[in-house]
């Protein structure tokens, strides 16, 4: 990333699943793309480390 850049073609706000895909698509099409995410990781809820219980814990549903 060019830390001195002040001009972007596309700015994606939010690094959840849709934001990451939008950023990748824009960059692949040649747009100078900036993706901004407030947390320390990308993926939104898909990347959570929380264990909410249920089917994936082996419980019967």
Protein backbone atom coordinates (compact mmCIF):
# COMPACT_ATOMS: atom_id res chain seq x y z
CA UNK A 1 0.00 0.00 0.00
CA UNK A 2 1.16 3.50 -0.80
CA UNK A 3 0.84 5.33 2.53
CA UNK A 4 1.25 8.71 0.82
CA UNK A 5 -1.65 8.25 -1.60
CA UNK A 6 -4.48 10.73 -1.10
CA UNK A 7 -6.57 9.84 -4.14
CA UNK A 8 -8.56 6.63 -4.61
CA UNK A 9 -10.99 5.43 -7.26
CA UNK A 10 -12.96 3.32 -4.78
CA UNK A 11 -13.14 3.48 -0.99
CA UNK A 12 -14.85 0.53 0.68
CA UNK A 13 -16.03 1.15 4.24
CA UNK A 14 -16.22 -2.09 6.20
CA UNK A 15 -14.14 -5.22 5.92
CA UNK A 16 -16.94 -7.72 6.34
CA UNK A 17 -17.53 -10.39 3.74
CA UNK A 18 -19.28 -8.05 1.28
CA UNK A 19 -16.71 -5.28 1.78
CA UNK A 20 -13.76 -7.59 1.16
CA UNK A 21 -15.37 -8.99 -1.99
CA UNK A 22 -16.21 -5.48 -3.24
CA UNK A 23 -12.63 -4.35 -2.63
CA UNK A 24 -11.16 -7.34 -4.42
CA UNK A 25 -13.52 -6.89 -7.38
CA UNK A 26 -12.70 -3.19 -7.72
CA UNK A 27 -8.95 -3.82 -7.49
CA UNK A 28 -9.11 -6.62 -10.07
CA UNK A 29 -10.82 -4.19 -12.44
CA UNK A 30 -7.90 -1.80 -12.02
CA UNK A 31 -9.40 0.68 -9.56
CA UNK A 32 -7.10 2.21 -6.96
CA UNK A 33 -8.92 0.76 -3.98
CA UNK A 34 -8.82 1.49 -0.25
CA UNK A 35 -10.59 -0.81 2.21
CA UNK A 36 -11.22 0.65 5.67
CA UNK A 37 -12.05 -1.58 8.65
CA UNK A 38 -12.27 -0.44 12.27
CA UNK A 39 -11.45 -3.80 13.88
CA UNK A 40 -8.14 -5.60 13.76
CA UNK A 41 -9.33 -8.26 11.32
CA UNK A 42 -11.25 -8.68 8.09
CA UNK A 43 -14.29 -10.87 7.59
CA UNK A 44 -16.80 -9.34 9.98
CA UNK A 45 -19.01 -11.91 11.70
CA UNK A 46 -17.61 -14.68 9.51
CA UNK A 47 -14.25 -14.23 11.26
CA UNK A 48 -15.53 -14.10 14.83
CA UNK A 49 -13.90 -16.25 17.46
CA UNK A 50 -17.05 -16.33 19.56
CA UNK A 51 -18.58 -19.68 20.38
CA UNK A 52 -22.34 -19.26 20.55
CA UNK A 53 -23.15 -22.93 21.06
CA UNK A 54 -25.50 -25.03 19.00
CA UNK A 55 -25.13 -27.43 16.11
CA UNK A 56 -21.42 -26.94 15.52
CA UNK A 57 -20.64 -27.81 19.13
CA UNK A 58 -22.01 -31.29 18.51
CA UNK A 59 -25.39 -30.53 20.07
CA UNK A 60 -28.43 -32.10 18.47
CA UNK A 61 -30.79 -29.61 16.92
